[in-house]
Amino acid sequence: MCKKFNAQEKVIAQIREDLVQKNGTIAQLQNRIKELEEGTSQDKTCRRGGRNSRSYNVREYKECPH
């Protein structure tokens, strides 16, 4: 009985660990989607150099003068 219970505990611990890792990955992907939708992602923004830098969102990206 004890050994079986310990084996179940190990399996449960492993599943929890996998879930934590997957949730981390999901959170990263959700952040990436959010960045792309808002246009805050580095590859979708046009930044003007200087002190008064301004970033454009995705819709304005094509019309960015720089």
C-alpha atoms as a PDB file:
ATOM      1  CA  MET A   1       0.000   0.000   0.000  1.00  0.00           C
ATOM      2  CA  CYS A   2       2.739   2.449   0.967  1.00  0.00           C
ATOM      3  CA  LYS A   3       4.815   1.827  -2.175  1.00  0.00           C
ATOM      4  CA  LYS A   4       1.780   2.239  -4.417  1.00  0.00           C
ATOM      5  CA  PHE A   5       0.887   5.502  -2.691  1.00  0.00           C
ATOM      6  CA  ASN A   6       4.437   6.826  -3.137  1.00  0.00           C
ATOM      7  CA  ALA A   7       4.333   5.927  -6.830  1.00  0.00           C
ATOM      8  CA  GLN A   8       1.088   7.865  -7.211  1.00  0.00           C
ATOM      9  CA  GLU A   9       2.632  10.842  -5.420  1.00  0.00           C
ATOM     10  CA  LYS A  10       5.557  10.801  -7.870  1.00  0.00           C
ATOM     11  CA  VAL A  11       3.207  10.689 -10.867  1.00  0.00           C
ATOM     12  CA  ILE A  12       1.119  13.549  -9.473  1.00  0.00           C
ATOM     13  CA  ALA A  13       4.258  15.598  -8.790  1.00  0.00           C
ATOM     14  CA  GLN A  14       5.487  14.968 -12.357  1.00  0.00           C
ATOM     15  CA  ILE A  15       2.124  15.998 -13.834  1.00  0.00           C
ATOM     16  CA  ARG A  16       2.126  19.184 -11.747  1.00  0.00           C
ATOM     17  CA  GLU A  17       5.654  20.000 -12.899  1.00  0.00           C
ATOM     18  CA  ASP A  18       4.664  19.449 -16.547  1.00  0.00           C
ATOM     19  CA  LEU A  19       1.644  21.701 -16.062  1.00  0.00           C
ATOM     20  CA  VAL A  20       3.777  24.475 -14.593  1.00  0.00           C
ATOM     21  CA  GLN A  21       6.182  24.269 -17.548  1.00  0.00           C
ATOM     22  CA  LYS A  22       3.328  24.248 -20.079  1.00  0.00           C
ATOM     23  CA  ASN A  23       1.610  27.159 -18.359  1.00  0.00           C
ATOM     24  CA  GLY A  24       4.850  29.093 -18.595  1.00  0.00           C
ATOM     25  CA  THR A  25       5.008  28.371 -22.313  1.00  0.00           C
ATOM     26  CA  ILE A  26       1.348  29.306 -22.779  1.00  0.00           C
ATOM     27  CA  ALA A  27       1.904  32.576 -20.925  1.00  0.00           C
ATOM     28  CA  GLN A  28       4.874  33.386 -23.188  1.00  0.00           C
ATOM     29  CA  LEU A  29       2.786  32.675 -26.291  1.00  0.00           C
ATOM     30  CA  GLN A  30      -0.108  34.778 -24.994  1.00  0.00           C
ATOM     31  CA  ASN A  31       2.293  37.657 -24.342  1.00  0.00           C
ATOM     32  CA  ARG A  32       3.692  37.295 -27.860  1.00  0.00           C
ATOM     33  CA  ILE A  33       0.171  37.381 -29.357  1.00  0.00           C
ATOM     34  CA  LYS A  34      -0.658  40.422 -27.254  1.00  0.00           C
ATOM     35  CA  GLU A  35       2.532  42.171 -28.405  1.00  0.00           C
ATOM     36  CA  LEU A  36       1.722  41.483 -32.046  1.00  0.00           C
ATOM     37  CA  GLU A  37      -1.890  42.633 -31.691  1.00  0.00           C
ATOM     38  CA  GLU A  38      -0.912  45.843 -29.913  1.00  0.00           C
ATOM     39  CA  GLY A  39       2.065  46.431 -32.157  1.00  0.00           C
ATOM     40  CA  THR A  40       4.474  46.585 -29.233  1.00  0.00           C
ATOM     41  CA  SER A  41       6.600  43.764 -30.598  1.00  0.00           C
ATOM     42  CA  GLN A  42      10.081  44.855 -31.732  1.00  0.00           C
ATOM     43  CA  ASP A  43       9.701  43.428 -35.237  1.00  0.00           C
ATOM     44  CA  LYS A  44       6.451  45.287 -35.888  1.00  0.00           C
ATOM     45  CA  THR A  45       7.299  48.753 -34.618  1.00  0.00           C
ATOM     46  CA  CYS A  46       9.028  51.580 -36.341  1.00  0.00           C
ATOM     47  CA  ARG A  47      11.097  53.565 -33.876  1.00  0.00           C
ATOM     48  CA  ARG A  48      12.427  57.010 -34.544  1.00  0.00           C
ATOM     49  CA  GLY A  49      15.732  57.647 -32.850  1.00  0.00           C
ATOM     50  CA  GLY A  50      16.412  60.462 -30.446  1.00  0.00           C
ATOM     51  CA  ARG A  51      15.108  61.617 -27.112  1.00  0.00           C
ATOM     52  CA  ASN A  52      11.476  61.899 -28.204  1.00  0.00           C
ATOM     53  CA  SER A  53      11.256  58.420 -29.685  1.00  0.00           C
ATOM     54  CA  ARG A  54       7.841  57.359 -30.788  1.00  0.00           C
ATOM     55  CA  SER A  55       6.646  53.887 -31.683  1.00  0.00           C
ATOM     56  CA  TYR A  56       3.847  53.189 -34.129  1.00  0.00           C
ATOM     57  CA  ASN A  57       1.310  50.418 -33.805  1.00  0.00           C
ATOM     58  CA  VAL A  58       0.816  47.749 -36.472  1.00  0.00           C
ATOM     59  CA  ARG A  59      -1.899  49.681 -38.342  1.00  0.00           C
ATOM     60  CA  GLU A  60       0.316  52.754 -38.627  1.00  0.00           C
ATOM     61  CA  TYR A  61       3.388  50.712 -39.486  1.00  0.00           C
ATOM     62  CA  LYS A  62       2.983  51.020 -43.277  1.00  0.00           C
ATOM     63  CA  GLU A  63       2.541  54.786 -43.008  1.00  0.00           C
ATOM     64  CA  CYS A  64       5.488  55.293 -40.678  1.00  0.00           C
ATOM     65  CA  PRO A  65       7.538  58.156 -42.191  1.00  0.00           C
ATOM     66  CA  HIS A  66      10.879  56.719 -41.022  1.00  0.00           C
END
